């Protein structure tokens, strides 16, 4: 408490440290979104490749 009876506010650095300790930084977060994007790219690429092969096989008949 300060002299006028109000609670002293913590400084910005202390608040930043508390948030970092609780939540971490973006570098500490799981890479779930990146994995989902890569997986979606691989799945769609595989489907596109299979459709292309199927189109070539049907055209060759």
PDB file of N, CA and C in Angstrom:
ATOM      1  N   UNK A   1       0.833  -1.185   0.000  1.00  0.00           N
ATOM      2  CA  UNK A   1       0.000   0.000   0.000  1.00  0.00           C
ATOM      3  C   UNK A   1       0.876   1.247   0.000  1.00  0.00           C
ATOM      4  N   UNK A   2       0.378   2.267  -0.635  1.00  0.00           N
ATOM      5  CA  UNK A   2       1.092   3.537  -0.641  1.00  0.00           C
ATOM      6  C   UNK A   2       0.617   4.383   0.530  1.00  0.00           C
ATOM      7  N   UNK A   3       1.187   5.560   0.662  1.00  0.00           N
ATOM      8  CA  UNK A   3       0.839   6.437   1.784  1.00  0.00           C
ATOM      9  C   UNK A   3      -0.614   6.882   1.736  1.00  0.00           C
ATOM     10  N   UNK A   4      -1.190   7.002   0.535  1.00  0.00           N
ATOM     11  CA  UNK A   4      -2.569   7.473   0.432  1.00  0.00           C
ATOM     12  C   UNK A   4      -3.582   6.333   0.505  1.00  0.00           C
ATOM     13  N   UNK A   5      -3.149   5.128   0.812  1.00  0.00           N
ATOM     14  CA  UNK A   5      -4.075   4.020   1.025  1.00  0.00           C
ATOM     15  C   UNK A   5      -4.352   3.185  -0.207  1.00  0.00           C
ATOM     16  N   UNK A   6      -3.829   3.577  -1.354  1.00  0.00           N
ATOM     17  CA  UNK A   6      -4.056   2.803  -2.572  1.00  0.00           C
ATOM     18  C   UNK A   6      -2.963   1.755  -2.730  1.00  0.00           C
ATOM     19  N   UNK A   7      -3.327   0.644  -3.329  1.00  0.00           N
ATOM     20  CA  UNK A   7      -2.350  -0.420  -3.565  1.00  0.00           C
ATOM     21  C   UNK A   7      -1.394   0.007  -4.669  1.00  0.00           C
ATOM     22  N   UNK A   8      -0.124  -0.272  -4.480  1.00  0.00           N
ATOM     23  CA  UNK A   8       0.872   0.059  -5.501  1.00  0.00           C
ATOM     24  C   UNK A   8       0.731  -0.911  -6.665  1.00  0.00           C
ATOM     25  N   UNK A   9       0.804  -0.377  -7.878  1.00  0.00           N
ATOM     26  CA  UNK A   9       0.698  -1.226  -9.065  1.00  0.00           C
ATOM     27  C   UNK A   9       2.055  -1.840  -9.374  1.00  0.00           C
ATOM     28  N   UNK A  10       2.082  -3.119  -9.761  1.00  0.00           N
ATOM     29  CA  UNK A  10       3.366  -3.732 -10.122  1.00  0.00           C
ATOM     30  C   UNK A  10       3.907  -3.097 -11.401  1.00  0.00           C
ATOM     31  N   UNK A  11       5.214  -3.062 -11.523  1.00  0.00           N
ATOM     32  CA  UNK A  11       5.801  -2.453 -12.713  1.00  0.00           C
ATOM     33  C   UNK A  11       5.593  -3.352 -13.930  1.00  0.00           C
ATOM     34  N   UNK A  12       5.776  -2.764 -15.090  1.00  0.00           N
ATOM     35  CA  UNK A  12       5.506  -3.466 -16.350  1.00  0.00           C
ATOM     36  C   UNK A  12       6.394  -4.705 -16.510  1.00  0.00           C
ATOM     37  N   UNK A  13       7.656  -4.602 -16.106  1.00  0.00           N
ATOM     38  CA  UNK A  13       8.567  -5.749 -16.233  1.00  0.00           C
ATOM     39  C   UNK A  13       8.097  -6.933 -15.395  1.00  0.00           C
ATOM     40  N   UNK A  14       7.603  -6.650 -14.201  1.00  0.00           N
ATOM     41  CA  UNK A  14       7.116  -7.731 -13.337  1.00  0.00           C
ATOM     42  C   UNK A  14       5.893  -8.399 -13.960  1.00  0.00           C
ATOM     43  N   UNK A  15       5.004  -7.594 -14.527  1.00  0.00           N
ATOM     44  CA  UNK A  15       3.821  -8.165 -15.183  1.00  0.00           C
ATOM     45  C   UNK A  15       4.222  -8.998 -16.395  1.00  0.00           C
ATOM     46  N   UNK A  16       5.173  -8.497 -17.179  1.00  0.00           N
ATOM     47  CA  UNK A  16       5.642  -9.254 -18.344  1.00  0.00           C
ATOM     48  C   UNK A  16       6.245 -10.591 -17.928  1.00  0.00           C
ATOM     49  N   UNK A  17       7.020 -10.579 -16.849  1.00  0.00           N
ATOM     50  CA  UNK A  17       7.621 -11.826 -16.353  1.00  0.00           C
ATOM     51  C   UNK A  17       6.551 -12.816 -15.913  1.00  0.00           C
ATOM     52  N   UNK A  18       5.519 -12.309 -15.234  1.00  0.00           N
ATOM     53  CA  UNK A  18       4.438 -13.192 -14.786  1.00  0.00           C
ATOM     54  C   UNK A  18       3.726 -13.826 -15.973  1.00  0.00           C
ATOM     55  N   UNK A  19       3.455 -13.037 -16.992  1.00  0.00           N
ATOM     56  CA  UNK A  19       2.766 -13.558 -18.176  1.00  0.00           C
ATOM     57  C   UNK A  19       3.643 -14.580 -18.888  1.00  0.00           C
ATOM     58  N   UNK A  20       4.954 -14.272 -19.042  1.00  0.00           N
ATOM     59  CA  UNK A  20       5.865 -15.214 -19.696  1.00  0.00           C
ATOM     60  C   UNK A  20       5.968 -16.511 -18.908  1.00  0.00           C
ATOM     61  N   UNK A  21       6.026 -16.396 -17.581  1.00  0.00           N
ATOM     62  CA  UNK A  21       6.119 -17.602 -16.759  1.00  0.00           C
ATOM     63  C   UNK A  21       4.853 -18.439 -16.870  1.00  0.00           C
ATOM     64  N   UNK A  22       3.712 -17.791 -16.986  1.00  0.00           N
ATOM     65  CA  UNK A  22       2.431 -18.509 -17.026  1.00  0.00           C
ATOM     66  C   UNK A  22       2.140 -19.084 -18.404  1.00  0.00           C
ATOM     67  N   UNK A  23       2.342 -18.292 -19.440  1.00  0.00           N
ATOM     68  CA  UNK A  23       1.936 -18.693 -20.785  1.00  0.00           C
ATOM     69  C   UNK A  23       3.099 -19.008 -21.715  1.00  0.00           C
ATOM     70  N   UNK A  24       4.287 -18.570 -21.421  1.00  0.00           N
ATOM     71  CA  UNK A  24       5.408 -18.760 -22.326  1.00  0.00           C
ATOM     72  C   UNK A  24       5.338 -17.771 -23.471  1.00  0.00           C
ATOM     73  N   UNK A  25       6.264 -17.879 -24.378  1.00  0.00           N
ATOM     74  CA  UNK A  25       6.254 -17.008 -25.546  1.00  0.00           C
ATOM     75  C   UNK A  25       5.728 -17.803 -26.738  1.00  0.00           C
ATOM     76  N   UNK A  26       5.542 -17.135 -27.853  1.00  0.00           N
ATOM     77  CA  UNK A  26       5.014 -17.832 -29.032  1.00  0.00           C
ATOM     78  C   UNK A  26       5.968 -18.927 -29.479  1.00  0.00           C
ATOM     79  N   UNK A  27       7.255 -18.791 -29.164  1.00  0.00           N
ATOM     80  CA  UNK A  27       8.216 -19.829 -29.548  1.00  0.00           C
ATOM     81  C   UNK A  27       8.049 -21.094 -28.718  1.00  0.00           C
ATOM     82  N   UNK A  28       7.444 -20.955 -27.531  1.00  0.00           N
ATOM     83  CA  UNK A  28       7.267 -22.109 -26.651  1.00  0.00           C
ATOM     84  C   UNK A  28       5.985 -22.880 -26.945  1.00  0.00           C
ATOM     85  N   UNK A  29       5.124 -22.313 -27.747  1.00  0.00           N
ATOM     86  CA  UNK A  29       3.820 -22.932 -27.993  1.00  0.00           C
ATOM     87  C   UNK A  29       3.979 -24.156 -28.889  1.00  0.00           C
ATOM     88  N   UNK A  30       3.061 -25.094 -28.785  1.00  0.00           N
ATOM     89  CA  UNK A  30       3.124 -26.274 -29.664  1.00  0.00           C
ATOM     90  C   UNK A  30       3.002 -25.867 -31.130  1.00  0.00           C
ATOM     91  N   UNK A  31       3.525 -26.672 -31.960  1.00  0.00           N
ATOM     92  CA  UNK A  31       3.510 -26.362 -33.385  1.00  0.00           C
ATOM     93  C   UNK A  31       2.300 -26.997 -34.065  1.00  0.00           C
ATOM     94  N   UNK A  32       1.192 -27.055 -33.391  1.00  0.00           N
ATOM     95  CA  UNK A  32       0.001 -27.718 -33.907  1.00  0.00           C
ATOM     96  C   UNK A  32      -0.504 -27.133 -35.206  1.00  0.00           C
ATOM     97  N   UNK A  33      -0.550 -25.807 -35.282  1.00  0.00           N
ATOM     98  CA  UNK A  33      -1.066 -25.176 -36.498  1.00  0.00           C
ATOM     99  C   UNK A  33      -0.154 -25.462 -37.681  1.00  0.00           C
ATOM    100  N   UNK A  34       1.138 -25.374 -37.473  1.00  0.00           N
ATOM    101  CA  UNK A  34       2.082 -25.657 -38.557  1.00  0.00           C
ATOM    102  C   UNK A  34       1.954 -27.105 -39.011  1.00  0.00           C
ATOM    103  N   UNK A  35       1.796 -28.014 -38.067  1.00  0.00           N
ATOM    104  CA  UNK A  35       1.632 -29.429 -38.427  1.00  0.00           C
ATOM    105  C   UNK A  35       0.344 -29.637 -39.217  1.00  0.00           C
ATOM    106  N   UNK A  36      -0.717 -28.951 -38.819  1.00  0.00           N
ATOM    107  CA  UNK A  36      -1.986 -29.085 -39.533  1.00  0.00           C
ATOM    108  C   UNK A  36      -1.868 -28.558 -40.957  1.00  0.00           C
ATOM    109  N   UNK A  37      -1.170 -27.450 -41.136  1.00  0.00           N
ATOM    110  CA  UNK A  37      -0.996 -26.880 -42.475  1.00  0.00           C
ATOM    111  C   UNK A  37      -0.180 -27.821 -43.356  1.00  0.00           C
ATOM    112  N   UNK A  38       0.907 -28.355 -42.813  1.00  0.00           N
ATOM    113  CA  UNK A  38       1.744 -29.281 -43.584  1.00  0.00           C
ATOM    114  C   UNK A  38       0.969 -30.547 -43.915  1.00  0.00           C
ATOM    115  N   UNK A  39       0.225 -31.080 -42.948  1.00  0.00           N
ATOM    116  CA  UNK A  39      -0.561 -32.293 -43.191  1.00  0.00           C
ATOM    117  C   UNK A  39      -1.622 -32.045 -44.261  1.00  0.00           C
ATOM    118  N   UNK A  40      -2.297 -30.899 -44.193  1.00  0.00           N
ATOM    119  CA  UNK A  40      -3.308 -30.581 -45.203  1.00  0.00           C
ATOM    120  C   UNK A  40      -2.669 -30.460 -46.586  1.00  0.00           C
ATOM    121  N   UNK A  41      -1.496 -29.841 -46.658  1.00  0.00           N
ATOM    122  CA  UNK A  41      -0.793 -29.730 -47.937  1.00  0.00           C
ATOM    123  C   UNK A  41      -0.453 -31.111 -48.487  1.00  0.00           C
ATOM    124  N   UNK A  42       0.055 -31.991 -47.634  1.00  0.00           N
ATOM    125  CA  UNK A  42       0.413 -33.337 -48.089  1.00  0.00           C
ATOM    126  C   UNK A  42      -0.814 -34.114 -48.556  1.00  0.00           C
ATOM    127  N   UNK A  43      -1.902 -34.012 -47.810  1.00  0.00           N
ATOM    128  CA  UNK A  43      -3.125 -34.736 -48.186  1.00  0.00           C
ATOM    129  C   UNK A  43      -3.658 -34.214 -49.518  1.00  0.00           C
ATOM    130  N   UNK A  44      -3.745 -32.891 -49.641  1.00  0.00           N
ATOM    131  CA  UNK A  44      -4.279 -32.326 -50.886  1.00  0.00           C
ATOM    132  C   UNK A  44      -3.355 -32.602 -52.073  1.00  0.00           C
ATOM    133  N   UNK A  45      -2.055 -32.586 -51.850  1.00  0.00           N
ATOM    134  CA  UNK A  45      -1.115 -32.912 -52.923  1.00  0.00           C
ATOM    135  C   UNK A  45      -1.277 -34.362 -53.361  1.00  0.00           C
ATOM    136  N   UNK A  46      -1.439 -35.258 -52.402  1.00  0.00           N
ATOM    137  CA  UNK A  46      -1.631 -36.675 -52.722  1.00  0.00           C
ATOM    138  C   UNK A  46      -2.926 -36.885 -53.497  1.00  0.00           C
ATOM    139  N   UNK A  47      -3.986 -36.220 -53.068  1.00  0.00           N
ATOM    140  CA  UNK A  47      -5.267 -36.344 -53.777  1.00  0.00           C
ATOM    141  C   UNK A  47      -5.136 -35.794 -55.200  1.00  0.00           C
ATOM    142  N   UNK A  48      -4.462 -34.661 -55.340  1.00  0.00           N
ATOM    143  CA  UNK A  48      -4.262 -34.083 -56.673  1.00  0.00           C
ATOM    144  C   UNK A  48      -3.435 -34.985 -57.569  1.00  0.00           C
ATOM    145  N   UNK A  49      -2.391 -35.571 -57.017  1.00  0.00           N
ATOM    146  CA  UNK A  49      -1.552 -36.487 -57.789  1.00  0.00           C
ATOM    147  C   UNK A  49      -2.353 -37.713 -58.216  1.00  0.00           C
ATOM    148  N   UNK A  50      -3.147 -38.270 -57.301  1.00  0.00           N
ATOM    149  CA  UNK A  50      -3.963 -39.448 -57.624  1.00  0.00           C
ATOM    150  C   UNK A  50      -4.998 -39.112 -58.700  1.00  0.00           C
ATOM    151  N   UNK A  51      -5.592 -37.926 -58.606  1.00  0.00           N
ATOM    152  CA  UNK A  51      -6.567 -37.523 -59.622  1.00  0.00           C
ATOM    153  C   UNK A  51      -5.887 -37.352 -60.982  1.00  0.00           C
ATOM    154  N   UNK A  52      -4.676 -36.817 -60.983  1.00  0.00           N
ATOM    155  CA  UNK A  52      -3.932 -36.670 -62.237  1.00  0.00           C
ATOM    156  C   UNK A  52      -3.588 -38.007 -62.855  1.00  0.00           C
ATOM    157  N   UNK A  53      -3.147 -38.953 -62.037  1.00  0.00           N
ATOM    158  CA  UNK A  53      -2.831 -40.293 -62.539  1.00  0.00           C
ATOM    159  C   UNK A  53      -4.094 -40.961 -63.072  1.00  0.00           C
ATOM    160  N   UNK A  54      -5.201 -40.818 -62.348  1.00  0.00           N
ATOM    161  CA  UNK A  54      -6.463 -41.417 -62.799  1.00  0.00           C
ATOM    162  C   UNK A  54      -6.896 -40.808 -64.134  1.00  0.00           C
ATOM    163  N   UNK A  55      -6.725 -39.500 -64.283  1.00  0.00           N
ATOM    164  CA  UNK A  55      -7.090 -38.848 -65.540  1.00  0.00           C
ATOM    165  C   UNK A  55      -6.212 -39.347 -66.687  1.00  0.00           C
ATOM    166  N   UNK A  56      -4.927 -39.536 -66.437  1.00  0.00           N
ATOM    167  CA  UNK A  56      -4.033 -40.059 -67.478  1.00  0.00           C
ATOM    168  C   UNK A  56      -4.395 -41.490 -67.854  1.00  0.00           C
ATOM    169  N   UNK A  57      -4.713 -42.307 -66.865  1.00  0.00           N
ATOM    170  CA  UNK A  57      -5.073 -43.702 -67.137  1.00  0.00           C
ATOM    171  C   UNK A  57      -6.365 -43.759 -67.940  1.00  0.00           C
ATOM    172  N   UNK A  58      -7.344 -42.964 -67.560  1.00  0.00           N
ATOM    173  CA  UNK A  58      -8.618 -42.963 -68.286  1.00  0.00           C
ATOM    174  C   UNK A  58      -8.447 -42.392 -69.697  1.00  0.00           C
ATOM    175  N   UNK A  59      -7.570 -41.421 -69.867  1.00  0.00           N
ATOM    176  CA  UNK A  59      -7.344 -40.841 -71.193  1.00  0.00           C
ATOM    177  C   UNK A  59      -6.603 -41.821 -72.104  1.00  0.00           C
ATOM    178  N   UNK A  60      -5.780 -42.666 -71.521  1.00  0.00           N
ATOM    179  CA  UNK A  60      -5.015 -43.623 -72.315  1.00  0.00           C
ATOM    180  C   UNK A  60      -5.882 -44.780 -72.794  1.00  0.00           C
ATOM    181  N   UNK A  61      -6.989 -45.000 -72.197  1.00  0.00           N
ATOM    182  CA  UNK A  61      -7.863 -46.114 -72.595  1.00  0.00           C
ATOM    183  C   UNK A  61      -8.466 -45.838 -73.894  1.00  0.00           C
TER     184      UNK A  61
END
